Amino acid sequence: MSQFDLTPPSPAQRDALIAGLSDEEQRVLLHHGTEAPFCGVFLDNKLDGVYTCRLCGLPLFRSSAKFESGTGWPSFFAPYDPAHVREIRDTSYGMIRTEIVCARCDSHLGHVFPDGPPPTGERHCLNSVSLGFTENGQALPNPLQRQGAEAQPA
């Protein structure tokens, strides 16, 4: 069970969060788009910290789980907490894949593939535009103004 509140944002909260997104962020997060490879802001990020959902701020992946996959998108072998990422069967474009979305706000993050490194063998392939980043020791984003773990540093 997550230490974070996974209750979805209210419709009014969601509308307010969406209003702060760029067109590209909306295309990817809300309409299941994919950013071009090798251009995402977090592809080469080497800082220690936590990657969060761009829309709702939920912690999704730790920098310690990031690895260089050579695919052109930030890749991670394990989520921050398995409860924070939901998997959905994706049959778009004539392929069978597993889409990953934020468990709190349902924003599209990317896909997970079974070709990652140990210990999980998974490659969570993320769109940088779907993410925020908080360096260790800094306050996590809390756009929903929730108490508890949300109010703690990364």
N, C-alpha and C. Protein backbone atom coordinates (compact mmCIF):
# COMPACT_ATOMS: atom_id res chain seq x y z
N MET A 1 0.84 -1.19 0.00
CA MET A 1 0.00 0.00 0.00
C MET A 1 0.88 1.25 0.00
N SER A 2 0.57 2.17 -0.86
CA SER A 2 1.36 3.39 -1.00
C SER A 2 1.19 4.30 0.21
N GLN A 3 2.26 5.03 0.53
CA GLN A 3 2.17 6.05 1.58
C GLN A 3 1.59 7.35 1.03
N PHE A 4 1.37 7.41 -0.28
CA PHE A 4 0.81 8.60 -0.92
C PHE A 4 -0.69 8.40 -1.15
N ASP A 5 -1.42 9.49 -1.15
CA ASP A 5 -2.85 9.47 -1.40
C ASP A 5 -3.08 9.30 -2.90
N LEU A 6 -3.62 8.15 -3.29
CA LEU A 6 -3.84 7.85 -4.71
C LEU A 6 -5.24 8.23 -5.18
N THR A 7 -5.99 8.93 -4.36
CA THR A 7 -7.32 9.39 -4.76
C THR A 7 -7.18 10.32 -5.96
N PRO A 8 -7.93 10.06 -7.03
CA PRO A 8 -7.82 10.93 -8.22
C PRO A 8 -8.20 12.37 -7.89
N PRO A 9 -7.65 13.31 -8.65
CA PRO A 9 -8.04 14.70 -8.47
C PRO A 9 -9.53 14.87 -8.79
N SER A 10 -10.16 15.82 -8.14
CA SER A 10 -11.56 16.13 -8.45
C SER A 10 -11.61 16.70 -9.87
N PRO A 11 -12.79 16.72 -10.50
CA PRO A 11 -12.87 17.33 -11.84
C PRO A 11 -12.35 18.77 -11.87
N ALA A 12 -12.65 19.55 -10.84
CA ALA A 12 -12.17 20.94 -10.81
C ALA A 12 -10.64 20.99 -10.67
N GLN A 13 -10.08 20.13 -9.82
CA GLN A 13 -8.62 20.07 -9.68
C GLN A 13 -7.98 19.65 -10.99
N ARG A 14 -8.55 18.63 -11.63
CA ARG A 14 -8.00 18.14 -12.90
C ARG A 14 -8.01 19.25 -13.95
N ASP A 15 -9.13 19.95 -14.07
CA ASP A 15 -9.22 21.05 -15.04
C ASP A 15 -8.15 22.11 -14.77
N ALA A 16 -7.93 22.43 -13.50
CA ALA A 16 -6.91 23.43 -13.15
C ALA A 16 -5.52 22.94 -13.51
N LEU A 17 -5.24 21.66 -13.26
CA LEU A 17 -3.92 21.10 -13.60
C LEU A 17 -3.71 21.08 -15.12
N ILE A 18 -4.73 20.69 -15.85
CA ILE A 18 -4.64 20.63 -17.31
C ILE A 18 -4.39 22.02 -17.90
N ALA A 19 -5.00 23.04 -17.30
CA ALA A 19 -4.82 24.41 -17.79
C ALA A 19 -3.36 24.85 -17.76
N GLY A 20 -2.55 24.23 -16.89
CA GLY A 20 -1.14 24.58 -16.79
C GLY A 20 -0.22 23.81 -17.71
N LEU A 21 -0.78 22.93 -18.55
CA LEU A 21 0.04 22.11 -19.45
C LEU A 21 0.24 22.80 -20.80
N SER A 22 1.39 22.55 -21.40
CA SER A 22 1.64 23.01 -22.77
C SER A 22 0.86 22.13 -23.74
N ASP A 23 0.78 22.53 -25.00
CA ASP A 23 0.10 21.72 -26.01
C ASP A 23 0.73 20.34 -26.12
N GLU A 24 2.06 20.27 -26.10
CA GLU A 24 2.76 18.99 -26.22
C GLU A 24 2.49 18.12 -25.00
N GLU A 25 2.50 18.71 -23.81
CA GLU A 25 2.20 17.94 -22.60
C GLU A 25 0.78 17.39 -22.66
N GLN A 26 -0.16 18.19 -23.13
CA GLN A 26 -1.54 17.70 -23.26
C GLN A 26 -1.62 16.57 -24.28
N ARG A 27 -0.93 16.71 -25.40
CA ARG A 27 -0.96 15.67 -26.44
C ARG A 27 -0.48 14.34 -25.90
N VAL A 28 0.59 14.34 -25.14
CA VAL A 28 1.16 13.10 -24.61
C VAL A 28 0.39 12.60 -23.40
N LEU A 29 0.22 13.44 -22.39
CA LEU A 29 -0.41 13.00 -21.14
C LEU A 29 -1.88 12.64 -21.29
N LEU A 30 -2.63 13.42 -22.05
CA LEU A 30 -4.08 13.24 -22.12
C LEU A 30 -4.55 12.46 -23.33
N HIS A 31 -3.75 12.46 -24.40
CA HIS A 31 -4.17 11.82 -25.66
C HIS A 31 -3.24 10.69 -26.09
N HIS A 32 -2.45 10.17 -25.15
CA HIS A 32 -1.60 8.99 -25.36
C HIS A 32 -0.58 9.18 -26.47
N GLY A 33 -0.07 10.38 -26.61
CA GLY A 33 0.94 10.66 -27.62
C GLY A 33 2.32 10.16 -27.20
N THR A 34 3.27 10.28 -28.12
CA THR A 34 4.66 9.92 -27.86
C THR A 34 5.55 11.05 -28.35
N GLU A 35 6.47 11.49 -27.50
CA GLU A 35 7.40 12.52 -27.94
C GLU A 35 8.46 11.89 -28.84
N ALA A 36 9.08 12.70 -29.66
CA ALA A 36 10.14 12.21 -30.55
C ALA A 36 11.31 11.67 -29.72
N PRO A 37 11.97 10.61 -30.21
CA PRO A 37 13.12 10.06 -29.46
C PRO A 37 14.30 11.02 -29.46
N PHE A 38 15.15 10.86 -28.45
CA PHE A 38 16.42 11.57 -28.30
C PHE A 38 16.27 13.08 -28.15
N CYS A 39 15.10 13.56 -27.73
CA CYS A 39 14.94 15.00 -27.55
C CYS A 39 14.38 15.37 -26.18
N GLY A 40 13.97 14.40 -25.39
CA GLY A 40 13.36 14.68 -24.09
C GLY A 40 14.35 15.27 -23.10
N VAL A 41 13.88 16.19 -22.29
CA VAL A 41 14.72 16.91 -21.33
C VAL A 41 15.34 15.98 -20.29
N PHE A 42 14.71 14.85 -19.99
CA PHE A 42 15.23 13.96 -18.95
C PHE A 42 16.03 12.77 -19.48
N LEU A 43 16.20 12.68 -20.78
CA LEU A 43 16.93 11.56 -21.35
C LEU A 43 18.32 11.43 -20.75
N ASP A 44 19.05 12.52 -20.66
CA ASP A 44 20.43 12.49 -20.17
C ASP A 44 20.58 13.01 -18.74
N ASN A 45 19.48 13.17 -18.03
CA ASN A 45 19.55 13.66 -16.65
C ASN A 45 20.27 12.64 -15.77
N LYS A 46 21.31 13.09 -15.07
CA LYS A 46 22.10 12.21 -14.19
C LYS A 46 21.97 12.60 -12.72
N LEU A 47 21.12 13.56 -12.41
CA LEU A 47 20.95 14.01 -11.03
C LEU A 47 20.22 12.96 -10.20
N ASP A 48 20.50 12.95 -8.89
CA ASP A 48 19.82 12.04 -7.97
C ASP A 48 18.51 12.66 -7.52
N GLY A 49 17.45 11.88 -7.63
CA GLY A 49 16.15 12.40 -7.20
C GLY A 49 15.01 11.50 -7.61
N VAL A 50 13.85 12.11 -7.74
CA VAL A 50 12.61 11.39 -8.00
C VAL A 50 11.92 12.00 -9.22
N TYR A 51 11.49 11.15 -10.13
CA TYR A 51 10.70 11.56 -11.28
C TYR A 51 9.23 11.45 -10.90
N THR A 52 8.48 12.52 -11.15
CA THR A 52 7.08 12.59 -10.74
C THR A 52 6.16 12.77 -11.94
N CYS A 53 4.88 12.52 -11.73
CA CYS A 53 3.88 12.75 -12.78
C CYS A 53 3.79 14.25 -13.04
N ARG A 54 3.90 14.64 -14.29
CA ARG A 54 3.84 16.06 -14.66
C ARG A 54 2.49 16.67 -14.30
N LEU A 55 1.42 15.89 -14.36
CA LEU A 55 0.10 16.45 -14.09
C LEU A 55 -0.20 16.54 -12.59
N CYS A 56 -0.07 15.43 -11.86
CA CYS A 56 -0.53 15.41 -10.46
C CYS A 56 0.58 15.38 -9.42
N GLY A 57 1.84 15.20 -9.81
CA GLY A 57 2.96 15.23 -8.88
C GLY A 57 3.29 13.94 -8.17
N LEU A 58 2.58 12.84 -8.46
CA LEU A 58 2.84 11.57 -7.79
C LEU A 58 4.24 11.06 -8.13
N PRO A 59 5.04 10.64 -7.15
CA PRO A 59 6.35 10.05 -7.45
C PRO A 59 6.18 8.76 -8.25
N LEU A 60 6.92 8.65 -9.36
CA LEU A 60 6.78 7.51 -10.26
C LEU A 60 8.04 6.64 -10.33
N PHE A 61 9.21 7.27 -10.42
CA PHE A 61 10.47 6.52 -10.57
C PHE A 61 11.59 7.24 -9.83
N ARG A 62 12.53 6.46 -9.30
CA ARG A 62 13.73 7.01 -8.65
C ARG A 62 14.87 7.04 -9.67
N SER A 63 15.74 8.01 -9.53
CA SER A 63 16.89 8.09 -10.44
C SER A 63 17.77 6.85 -10.31
N SER A 64 17.77 6.20 -9.15
CA SER A 64 18.58 5.00 -8.96
C SER A 64 18.10 3.82 -9.80
N ALA A 65 16.88 3.90 -10.35
CA ALA A 65 16.35 2.83 -11.20
C ALA A 65 16.47 3.18 -12.69
N LYS A 66 17.08 4.33 -13.00
CA LYS A 66 17.22 4.78 -14.39
C LYS A 66 18.42 4.10 -15.03
N PHE A 67 18.28 3.75 -16.30
CA PHE A 67 19.41 3.17 -17.03
C PHE A 67 19.38 3.64 -18.48
N GLU A 68 20.52 3.52 -19.14
CA GLU A 68 20.64 3.91 -20.55
C GLU A 68 20.19 2.74 -21.41
N SER A 69 19.05 2.91 -22.09
CA SER A 69 18.50 1.82 -22.90
C SER A 69 18.88 1.94 -24.37
N GLY A 70 19.33 3.13 -24.79
CA GLY A 70 19.66 3.34 -26.20
C GLY A 70 18.45 3.56 -27.08
N THR A 71 17.26 3.68 -26.48
CA THR A 71 16.02 3.81 -27.26
C THR A 71 15.67 5.26 -27.58
N GLY A 72 16.25 6.21 -26.84
CA GLY A 72 15.93 7.61 -27.06
C GLY A 72 14.93 8.18 -26.07
N TRP A 73 14.48 7.37 -25.12
CA TRP A 73 13.57 7.82 -24.07
C TRP A 73 14.12 7.43 -22.71
N PRO A 74 13.85 8.21 -21.67
CA PRO A 74 14.28 7.82 -20.33
C PRO A 74 13.70 6.45 -19.98
N SER A 75 14.54 5.57 -19.43
CA SER A 75 14.12 4.20 -19.12
C SER A 75 14.48 3.86 -17.69
N PHE A 76 13.59 3.09 -17.07
CA PHE A 76 13.74 2.70 -15.66
C PHE A 76 13.42 1.22 -15.53
N PHE A 77 14.10 0.53 -14.59
CA PHE A 77 13.84 -0.90 -14.42
C PHE A 77 12.79 -1.18 -13.36
N ALA A 78 12.39 -0.18 -12.57
CA ALA A 78 11.36 -0.39 -11.55
C ALA A 78 10.73 0.94 -11.16
N PRO A 79 9.43 0.95 -10.84
CA PRO A 79 8.78 2.17 -10.39
C PRO A 79 9.12 2.52 -8.94
N TYR A 80 8.86 3.75 -8.57
CA TYR A 80 9.03 4.23 -7.19
C TYR A 80 8.26 3.32 -6.24
N ASP A 81 7.04 3.01 -6.60
CA ASP A 81 6.15 2.11 -5.87
C ASP A 81 5.27 1.48 -6.93
N PRO A 82 5.17 0.14 -6.98
CA PRO A 82 4.33 -0.48 -8.01
C PRO A 82 2.89 0.04 -8.01
N ALA A 83 2.41 0.50 -6.87
CA ALA A 83 1.04 1.02 -6.79
C ALA A 83 0.88 2.37 -7.50
N HIS A 84 1.98 3.03 -7.86
CA HIS A 84 1.92 4.35 -8.48
C HIS A 84 1.79 4.31 -10.00
N VAL A 85 1.98 3.14 -10.58
CA VAL A 85 1.93 2.99 -12.04
C VAL A 85 0.94 1.87 -12.37
N ARG A 86 0.00 2.18 -13.25
CA ARG A 86 -0.99 1.19 -13.66
C ARG A 86 -0.69 0.75 -15.09
N GLU A 87 -0.84 -0.54 -15.35
CA GLU A 87 -0.58 -1.09 -16.69
C GLU A 87 -1.89 -1.36 -17.41
N ILE A 88 -1.90 -1.03 -18.72
CA ILE A 88 -3.07 -1.22 -19.57
C ILE A 88 -2.63 -1.87 -20.87
N ARG A 89 -3.36 -2.88 -21.32
CA ARG A 89 -3.06 -3.51 -22.61
C ARG A 89 -3.31 -2.49 -23.72
N ASP A 90 -2.35 -2.35 -24.61
CA ASP A 90 -2.40 -1.37 -25.70
C ASP A 90 -2.25 -2.11 -27.02
N THR A 91 -3.29 -2.07 -27.85
CA THR A 91 -3.24 -2.75 -29.16
C THR A 91 -3.24 -1.75 -30.31
N SER A 92 -2.88 -0.50 -30.04
CA SER A 92 -2.85 0.52 -31.09
C SER A 92 -1.71 0.25 -32.07
N TYR A 93 -1.86 0.78 -33.26
CA TYR A 93 -0.85 0.70 -34.31
C TYR A 93 -0.49 -0.73 -34.70
N GLY A 94 -1.42 -1.67 -34.52
CA GLY A 94 -1.19 -3.05 -34.92
C GLY A 94 -0.20 -3.80 -34.06
N MET A 95 0.11 -3.28 -32.87
CA MET A 95 1.06 -3.92 -31.96
C MET A 95 0.35 -4.27 -30.66
N ILE A 96 0.91 -5.22 -29.93
CA ILE A 96 0.44 -5.51 -28.59
C ILE A 96 1.53 -5.06 -27.62
N ARG A 97 1.19 -4.05 -26.83
CA ARG A 97 2.14 -3.48 -25.87
C ARG A 97 1.44 -3.28 -24.54
N THR A 98 2.21 -2.88 -23.55
CA THR A 98 1.64 -2.55 -22.24
C THR A 98 1.89 -1.07 -21.97
N GLU A 99 0.83 -0.30 -21.99
CA GLU A 99 0.90 1.12 -21.68
C GLU A 99 1.00 1.29 -20.17
N ILE A 100 1.72 2.32 -19.74
CA ILE A 100 1.74 2.65 -18.32
C ILE A 100 1.18 4.06 -18.13
N VAL A 101 0.32 4.17 -17.11
CA VAL A 101 -0.31 5.44 -16.78
C VAL A 101 -0.13 5.71 -15.29
N CYS A 102 -0.23 6.96 -14.92
CA CYS A 102 -0.18 7.35 -13.51
C CYS A 102 -1.39 6.75 -12.81
N ALA A 103 -1.16 6.07 -11.70
CA ALA A 103 -2.25 5.41 -10.98
C ALA A 103 -3.19 6.42 -10.32
N ARG A 104 -2.76 7.65 -10.12
CA ARG A 104 -3.62 8.64 -9.47
C ARG A 104 -4.45 9.43 -10.47
N CYS A 105 -3.86 9.87 -11.58
CA CYS A 105 -4.60 10.76 -12.50
C CYS A 105 -4.80 10.18 -13.89
N ASP A 106 -4.32 8.97 -14.13
CA ASP A 106 -4.48 8.27 -15.42
C ASP A 106 -3.74 8.93 -16.58
N SER A 107 -2.78 9.79 -16.32
CA SER A 107 -2.00 10.39 -17.40
C SER A 107 -1.11 9.35 -18.07
N HIS A 108 -1.02 9.43 -19.40
CA HIS A 108 -0.17 8.53 -20.17
C HIS A 108 1.30 8.85 -19.87
N LEU A 109 2.06 7.81 -19.55
CA LEU A 109 3.49 7.97 -19.25
C LEU A 109 4.37 7.39 -20.33
N GLY A 110 4.01 6.23 -20.85
CA GLY A 110 4.82 5.52 -21.83
C GLY A 110 4.40 4.08 -21.89
N HIS A 111 5.38 3.18 -22.04
CA HIS A 111 5.11 1.74 -22.14
C HIS A 111 6.16 0.97 -21.34
N VAL A 112 5.82 -0.25 -20.96
CA VAL A 112 6.77 -1.12 -20.28
C VAL A 112 7.01 -2.34 -21.16
N PHE A 113 8.27 -2.74 -21.26
CA PHE A 113 8.68 -3.86 -22.10
C PHE A 113 9.49 -4.86 -21.27
N PRO A 114 9.48 -6.15 -21.67
CA PRO A 114 10.20 -7.18 -20.90
C PRO A 114 11.65 -7.36 -21.33
N ASP A 115 12.35 -6.26 -21.64
CA ASP A 115 13.73 -6.38 -22.12
C ASP A 115 14.70 -5.49 -21.33
N GLY A 116 14.38 -5.26 -20.06
CA GLY A 116 15.22 -4.42 -19.22
C GLY A 116 16.27 -5.21 -18.47
N PRO A 117 17.09 -4.52 -17.71
CA PRO A 117 18.17 -5.16 -16.95
C PRO A 117 17.65 -5.79 -15.65
N PRO A 118 18.51 -6.58 -15.00
CA PRO A 118 18.17 -7.08 -13.67
C PRO A 118 18.03 -5.88 -12.72
N PRO A 119 17.32 -5.96 -11.65
CA PRO A 119 16.74 -7.19 -11.12
C PRO A 119 15.34 -7.51 -11.65
N THR A 120 14.70 -6.60 -12.40
CA THR A 120 13.31 -6.83 -12.81
C THR A 120 13.16 -7.38 -14.22
N GLY A 121 14.13 -7.08 -15.09
CA GLY A 121 13.99 -7.46 -16.50
C GLY A 121 13.00 -6.58 -17.24
N GLU A 122 12.57 -5.49 -16.61
CA GLU A 122 11.59 -4.59 -17.23
C GLU A 122 12.26 -3.30 -17.68
N ARG A 123 11.71 -2.74 -18.77
CA ARG A 123 12.13 -1.42 -19.25
C ARG A 123 10.89 -0.53 -19.33
N HIS A 124 10.77 0.34 -18.36
CA HIS A 124 9.69 1.33 -18.37
C HIS A 124 10.20 2.49 -19.21
N CYS A 125 9.64 2.64 -20.40
CA CYS A 125 10.08 3.62 -21.38
C CYS A 125 9.15 4.83 -21.29
N LEU A 126 9.68 5.97 -20.84
CA LEU A 126 8.86 7.13 -20.50
C LEU A 126 9.06 8.29 -21.45
N ASN A 127 8.01 9.07 -21.62
CA ASN A 127 8.10 10.35 -22.30
C ASN A 127 8.58 11.39 -21.28
N SER A 128 9.64 12.11 -21.57
CA SER A 128 10.11 13.16 -20.65
C SER A 128 9.02 14.17 -20.35
N VAL A 129 8.21 14.48 -21.35
CA VAL A 129 7.17 15.49 -21.20
C VAL A 129 6.09 15.04 -20.20
N SER A 130 6.04 13.75 -19.89
CA SER A 130 5.08 13.22 -18.90
C SER A 130 5.59 13.37 -17.47
N LEU A 131 6.84 13.80 -17.34
CA LEU A 131 7.50 13.77 -16.04
C LEU A 131 7.88 15.15 -15.51
N GLY A 132 8.02 15.20 -14.20
CA GLY A 132 8.69 16.29 -13.51
C GLY A 132 9.88 15.65 -12.81
N PHE A 133 10.78 16.44 -12.25
CA PHE A 133 11.92 15.89 -11.53
C PHE A 133 12.19 16.72 -10.29
N THR A 134 12.42 16.03 -9.18
CA THR A 134 12.75 16.68 -7.91
C THR A 134 14.05 16.10 -7.40
N GLU A 135 15.06 16.95 -7.22
CA GLU A 135 16.34 16.47 -6.67
C GLU A 135 16.14 16.02 -5.23
N ASN A 136 16.95 15.03 -4.83
CA ASN A 136 16.91 14.55 -3.45
C ASN A 136 17.07 15.72 -2.48
N GLY A 137 16.28 15.71 -1.42
CA GLY A 137 16.34 16.76 -0.41
C GLY A 137 15.43 17.94 -0.67
N GLN A 138 14.89 18.05 -1.88
CA GLN A 138 13.98 19.14 -2.22
C GLN A 138 12.53 18.69 -1.99
N ALA A 139 11.63 19.64 -1.84
CA ALA A 139 10.22 19.33 -1.62
C ALA A 139 9.61 18.73 -2.88
N LEU A 140 8.88 17.65 -2.71
CA LEU A 140 8.16 17.05 -3.83
C LEU A 140 7.05 17.99 -4.29
N PRO A 141 6.69 17.95 -5.57
CA PRO A 141 5.57 18.77 -6.01
C PRO A 141 4.29 18.29 -5.33
N ASN A 142 3.42 19.21 -5.00
CA ASN A 142 2.17 18.86 -4.33
C ASN A 142 1.04 19.72 -4.88
N PRO A 143 0.78 19.62 -6.20
CA PRO A 143 -0.23 20.49 -6.80
C PRO A 143 -1.64 20.26 -6.27
N LEU A 144 -1.88 19.11 -5.66
CA LEU A 144 -3.21 18.82 -5.11
C LEU A 144 -3.33 19.24 -3.65
N GLN A 145 -2.24 19.80 -3.09
CA GLN A 145 -2.22 20.30 -1.71
C GLN A 145 -2.63 19.22 -0.71
N ARG A 146 -2.03 18.04 -0.84
CA ARG A 146 -2.34 16.93 0.06
C ARG A 146 -1.33 16.88 1.19
N GLN A 147 -1.72 16.25 2.28
CA GLN A 147 -0.88 16.14 3.46
C GLN A 147 -0.09 14.83 3.43
N GLY A 148 0.66 14.57 4.46
CA GLY A 148 1.39 13.31 4.60
C GLY A 148 2.62 13.26 3.74
N ALA A 149 2.80 12.13 3.04
CA ALA A 149 4.01 11.90 2.25
C ALA A 149 4.22 12.97 1.19
N GLU A 150 3.14 13.52 0.66
CA GLU A 150 3.26 14.56 -0.37
C GLU A 150 4.00 15.79 0.14
N ALA A 151 3.92 16.03 1.42
CA ALA A 151 4.53 17.23 2.00
C ALA A 151 5.98 17.01 2.42
N GLN A 152 6.54 15.84 2.13
CA GLN A 152 7.90 15.50 2.55
C GLN A 152 8.89 15.73 1.41
N PRO A 153 10.18 15.89 1.74
CA PRO A 153 11.19 16.03 0.68
C PRO A 153 11.45 14.70 -0.03
N ALA A 154 11.99 14.80 -1.23
CA ALA A 154 12.33 13.60 -2.02
C ALA A 154 13.46 12.85 -1.34
